Amino acid sequence: MEQDVIMLQEYLIHLLDGTIIRCSEDYETPDDQSVVTRVRKAAPTDVFTVGNAFDGYKYIPKSSILYLETGDVVEESPAERVLRKVGH
């Protein structure tokens, strides 16, 4: 299992103040649980958490998000995999 290749879809979250936050999720995340769907269906008062236990977390109010942009599909490193598992 640890040797399985995990592919991630990167996203760029553009905020109203010009800040761009990079995040990613498993490429095979079901559509109803994806970042795009969760942002689209969120109430204006919802807050999203982006990050991991090593780099820290960012809390993003839905009302601050201007738009999402898809980035590359990349392979997850073993270190990132461990951090993702710790964070969940």
C-alpha atoms as a PDB file:
ATOM      1  CA  MET A   1       0.000   0.000   0.000  1.00  0.00           C
ATOM      2  CA  GLU A   2       2.774   2.466   0.905  1.00  0.00           C
ATOM      3  CA  GLN A   3       4.336   1.900  -2.526  1.00  0.00           C
ATOM      4  CA  ASP A   4       1.121   2.659  -4.441  1.00  0.00           C
ATOM      5  CA  VAL A   5       1.364   5.761  -6.583  1.00  0.00           C
ATOM      6  CA  ILE A   6      -1.091   8.442  -5.484  1.00  0.00           C
ATOM      7  CA  MET A   7      -1.917  11.174  -7.967  1.00  0.00           C
ATOM      8  CA  LEU A   8      -3.101  14.568  -6.741  1.00  0.00           C
ATOM      9  CA  GLN A   9      -5.081  17.287  -8.491  1.00  0.00           C
ATOM     10  CA  GLU A  10      -3.680  20.702  -7.618  1.00  0.00           C
ATOM     11  CA  TYR A  11      -5.918  23.755  -7.200  1.00  0.00           C
ATOM     12  CA  LEU A  12      -5.171  27.435  -6.876  1.00  0.00           C
ATOM     13  CA  ILE A  13      -7.631  29.282  -4.658  1.00  0.00           C
ATOM     14  CA  HIS A  14      -7.769  32.956  -5.648  1.00  0.00           C
ATOM     15  CA  LEU A  15      -8.888  35.266  -2.858  1.00  0.00           C
ATOM     16  CA  LEU A  16     -10.467  38.716  -3.137  1.00  0.00           C
ATOM     17  CA  ASP A  17      -7.316  40.403  -1.765  1.00  0.00           C
ATOM     18  CA  GLY A  18      -5.132  38.902  -4.525  1.00  0.00           C
ATOM     19  CA  THR A  19      -3.682  36.068  -2.429  1.00  0.00           C
ATOM     20  CA  ILE A  20      -3.368  32.703  -4.187  1.00  0.00           C
ATOM     21  CA  ILE A  21      -3.387  29.551  -2.057  1.00  0.00           C
ATOM     22  CA  ARG A  22      -2.240  26.239  -3.519  1.00  0.00           C
ATOM     23  CA  CYS A  23      -3.894  23.031  -2.326  1.00  0.00           C
ATOM     24  CA  SER A  24      -4.373  19.521  -3.656  1.00  0.00           C
ATOM     25  CA  GLU A  25      -6.547  16.465  -3.232  1.00  0.00           C
ATOM     26  CA  ASP A  26      -6.479  12.838  -4.325  1.00  0.00           C
ATOM     27  CA  TYR A  27      -7.213  12.777  -8.072  1.00  0.00           C
ATOM     28  CA  GLU A  28      -9.816  10.060  -7.511  1.00  0.00           C
ATOM     29  CA  THR A  29     -11.832  12.047  -4.941  1.00  0.00           C
ATOM     30  CA  PRO A  30     -15.542  11.539  -5.658  1.00  0.00           C
ATOM     31  CA  ASP A  31     -17.153  14.560  -7.323  1.00  0.00           C
ATOM     32  CA  ASP A  32     -19.502  15.224  -4.403  1.00  0.00           C
ATOM     33  CA  GLN A  33     -16.497  15.500  -2.020  1.00  0.00           C
ATOM     34  CA  SER A  34     -14.128  17.482  -4.256  1.00  0.00           C
ATOM     35  CA  VAL A  35     -12.815  20.939  -3.390  1.00  0.00           C
ATOM     36  CA  VAL A  36     -14.716  22.447  -6.320  1.00  0.00           C
ATOM     37  CA  THR A  37     -18.054  20.953  -5.259  1.00  0.00           C
ATOM     38  CA  ARG A  38     -17.575  21.814  -1.584  1.00  0.00           C
ATOM     39  CA  VAL A  39     -16.780  25.457  -2.427  1.00  0.00           C
ATOM     40  CA  ARG A  40     -19.641  25.700  -4.915  1.00  0.00           C
ATOM     41  CA  LYS A  41     -22.208  24.328  -2.437  1.00  0.00           C
ATOM     42  CA  ALA A  42     -20.876  26.126   0.658  1.00  0.00           C
ATOM     43  CA  ALA A  43     -22.819  28.810   2.482  1.00  0.00           C
ATOM     44  CA  PRO A  44     -21.236  32.289   2.475  1.00  0.00           C
ATOM     45  CA  THR A  45     -20.387  31.869   6.180  1.00  0.00           C
ATOM     46  CA  ASP A  46     -18.554  28.516   5.766  1.00  0.00           C
ATOM     47  CA  VAL A  47     -14.797  28.331   6.410  1.00  0.00           C
ATOM     48  CA  PHE A  48     -12.444  25.921   4.617  1.00  0.00           C
ATOM     49  CA  THR A  49      -9.276  24.431   6.111  1.00  0.00           C
ATOM     50  CA  VAL A  50      -6.296  23.916   3.794  1.00  0.00           C
ATOM     51  CA  GLY A  51      -2.926  22.525   4.823  1.00  0.00           C
ATOM     52  CA  ASN A  52      -1.239  19.759   6.763  1.00  0.00           C
ATOM     53  CA  ALA A  53       0.304  19.082  10.150  1.00  0.00           C
ATOM     54  CA  PHE A  54       3.837  19.914   8.974  1.00  0.00           C
ATOM     55  CA  ASP A  55       3.263  23.165   7.047  1.00  0.00           C
ATOM     56  CA  GLY A  56       0.332  24.338   9.138  1.00  0.00           C
ATOM     57  CA  TYR A  57      -3.239  25.157   8.227  1.00  0.00           C
ATOM     58  CA  LYS A  58      -4.959  28.085   6.546  1.00  0.00           C
ATOM     59  CA  TYR A  59      -8.565  28.928   7.316  1.00  0.00           C
ATOM     60  CA  ILE A  60     -10.350  30.429   4.333  1.00  0.00           C
ATOM     61  CA  PRO A  61     -13.815  31.995   4.606  1.00  0.00           C
ATOM     62  CA  LYS A  62     -16.007  31.162   1.596  1.00  0.00           C
ATOM     63  CA  SER A  63     -16.804  34.879   1.353  1.00  0.00           C
ATOM     64  CA  SER A  64     -13.093  35.566   0.617  1.00  0.00           C
ATOM     65  CA  ILE A  65     -12.832  33.172  -2.351  1.00  0.00           C
ATOM     66  CA  LEU A  66     -12.960  34.833  -5.757  1.00  0.00           C
ATOM     67  CA  TYR A  67     -12.486  31.673  -7.839  1.00  0.00           C
ATOM     68  CA  LEU A  68     -10.712  28.301  -8.083  1.00  0.00           C
ATOM     69  CA  GLU A  69      -8.251  27.361 -10.784  1.00  0.00           C
ATOM     70  CA  THR A  70      -7.165  23.811 -11.540  1.00  0.00           C
ATOM     71  CA  GLY A  71      -3.455  23.153 -11.686  1.00  0.00           C
ATOM     72  CA  ASP A  72      -1.379  20.134 -12.588  1.00  0.00           C
ATOM     73  CA  VAL A  73      -1.902  16.502 -11.712  1.00  0.00           C
ATOM     74  CA  VAL A  74       1.156  15.449  -9.701  1.00  0.00           C
ATOM     75  CA  GLU A  75       2.444  12.380  -7.885  1.00  0.00           C
ATOM     76  CA  GLU A  76       2.243  12.578  -4.103  1.00  0.00           C
ATOM     77  CA  SER A  77       5.580  12.208  -2.322  1.00  0.00           C
ATOM     78  CA  PRO A  78       5.925   9.659   0.504  1.00  0.00           C
ATOM     79  CA  ALA A  79       6.423  12.499   3.037  1.00  0.00           C
ATOM     80  CA  GLU A  80       3.241  14.234   1.882  1.00  0.00           C
ATOM     81  CA  ARG A  81       1.351  10.940   2.137  1.00  0.00           C
ATOM     82  CA  VAL A  82       2.397  10.526   5.782  1.00  0.00           C
ATOM     83  CA  LEU A  83       1.358  14.121   6.575  1.00  0.00           C
ATOM     84  CA  ARG A  84      -2.006  13.676   4.861  1.00  0.00           C
ATOM     85  CA  LYS A  85      -2.695  10.540   6.910  1.00  0.00           C
ATOM     86  CA  VAL A  86      -1.729  12.310  10.150  1.00  0.00           C
ATOM     87  CA  GLY A  87      -4.043  15.221   9.304  1.00  0.00           C
ATOM     88  CA  HIS A  88      -7.136  13.044   8.896  1.00  0.00           C
END
